[in-house]
């Protein structure tokens, strides 16, 4: 029972990260370009330089997230506060 709960929580966390990544891909051209270069371009040839590609892609995602959060700071604060309130509501 407890193992099932942990698995479900891990799956929900991974799903959240995937949703965030998809939103960034949809919202930012830089992330979309980097994603299409990594996924659509020759995957077998690109496997050799996977470490560098992951680092470059992570850098682009971090920059895009920072730019989006600066541009939409009030909405980000509201969303964070709403998430905290929902968590407190679900805990009680």
Protein backbone atom coordinates (compact mmCIF):
# COMPACT_ATOMS: atom_id res chain seq x y z
CA UNK A 1 0.00 0.00 0.00
CA UNK A 2 2.71 2.45 0.98
CA UNK A 3 4.80 1.51 -2.07
CA UNK A 4 1.81 2.22 -4.30
CA UNK A 5 1.42 5.65 -2.71
CA UNK A 6 5.11 6.50 -3.29
CA UNK A 7 4.89 5.36 -6.90
CA UNK A 8 1.81 7.50 -7.47
CA UNK A 9 3.51 10.54 -5.92
CA UNK A 10 6.61 10.02 -8.06
CA UNK A 11 4.47 9.68 -11.15
CA UNK A 12 2.60 12.87 -10.32
CA UNK A 13 5.88 14.73 -9.81
CA UNK A 14 7.25 13.51 -13.13
CA UNK A 15 4.00 14.48 -14.81
CA UNK A 16 4.25 17.96 -13.39
CA UNK A 17 7.74 18.39 -14.78
CA UNK A 18 6.59 17.15 -18.19
CA UNK A 19 3.65 19.57 -18.19
CA UNK A 20 5.93 22.46 -17.24
CA UNK A 21 8.32 21.51 -20.05
CA UNK A 22 5.46 21.34 -22.56
CA UNK A 23 4.22 24.76 -21.48
CA UNK A 24 7.71 26.21 -21.91
CA UNK A 25 8.01 24.60 -25.34
CA UNK A 26 4.69 26.11 -26.36
CA UNK A 27 5.45 29.56 -24.92
CA UNK A 28 9.07 30.23 -25.82
CA UNK A 29 10.64 30.06 -29.28
CA UNK A 30 14.14 29.38 -27.93
CA UNK A 31 13.00 26.29 -26.05
CA UNK A 32 10.94 25.11 -29.03
CA UNK A 33 13.95 25.47 -31.35
CA UNK A 34 16.28 23.63 -28.97
CA UNK A 35 13.71 20.86 -28.44
CA UNK A 36 13.15 20.39 -32.15
CA UNK A 37 16.92 20.31 -32.77
CA UNK A 38 17.38 17.61 -30.14
CA UNK A 39 14.35 15.43 -30.84
CA UNK A 40 13.63 15.85 -34.56
CA UNK A 41 17.26 15.91 -35.75
CA UNK A 42 19.13 12.64 -36.21
CA UNK A 43 18.70 11.00 -32.79
CA UNK A 44 21.32 8.28 -33.32
CA UNK A 45 24.00 10.75 -34.43
CA UNK A 46 23.13 13.12 -31.62
CA UNK A 47 23.47 10.43 -28.95
CA UNK A 48 27.27 10.79 -28.92
CA UNK A 49 27.10 14.36 -27.60
CA UNK A 50 24.15 13.81 -25.26
CA UNK A 51 25.80 15.33 -22.18
CA UNK A 52 26.52 18.63 -23.90
CA UNK A 53 23.05 18.68 -25.43
CA UNK A 54 21.36 18.12 -22.09
CA UNK A 55 23.42 20.92 -20.55
CA UNK A 56 22.59 23.29 -23.44
CA UNK A 57 18.91 22.39 -23.32
CA UNK A 58 18.80 22.84 -19.55
CA UNK A 59 20.43 26.26 -19.89
CA UNK A 60 17.87 27.36 -22.49
CA UNK A 61 15.00 26.10 -20.30
CA UNK A 62 16.35 27.93 -17.26
CA UNK A 63 16.76 31.18 -19.19
CA UNK A 64 13.27 30.89 -20.67
CA UNK A 65 11.74 30.13 -17.26
CA UNK A 66 13.56 33.11 -15.76
CA UNK A 67 12.41 35.41 -18.57
CA UNK A 68 8.84 34.17 -18.35
CA UNK A 69 8.75 34.53 -14.57
CA UNK A 70 10.14 38.07 -14.72
CA UNK A 71 7.61 39.03 -17.39
CA UNK A 72 4.69 37.51 -15.51
CA UNK A 73 5.73 38.02 -11.89
CA UNK A 74 2.28 38.97 -10.49
CA UNK A 75 0.68 35.92 -12.10
CA UNK A 76 3.50 33.72 -10.84
CA UNK A 77 3.04 34.97 -7.27
CA UNK A 78 -0.73 34.45 -7.49
CA UNK A 79 -0.26 30.91 -8.85
CA UNK A 80 2.24 30.05 -6.13
CA UNK A 81 -0.09 31.34 -3.42
CA UNK A 82 -3.00 29.40 -4.93
CA UNK A 83 -0.94 26.21 -5.02
CA UNK A 84 0.03 26.60 -1.37
CA UNK A 85 -3.61 27.17 -0.39
CA UNK A 86 -4.73 24.11 -2.35
CA UNK A 87 -2.06 22.02 -0.64
CA UNK A 88 -3.26 23.18 2.77
CA UNK A 89 -6.86 22.42 1.79
CA UNK A 90 -5.95 18.90 0.67
CA UNK A 91 -3.95 18.19 3.83
CA UNK A 92 -6.86 18.96 6.17
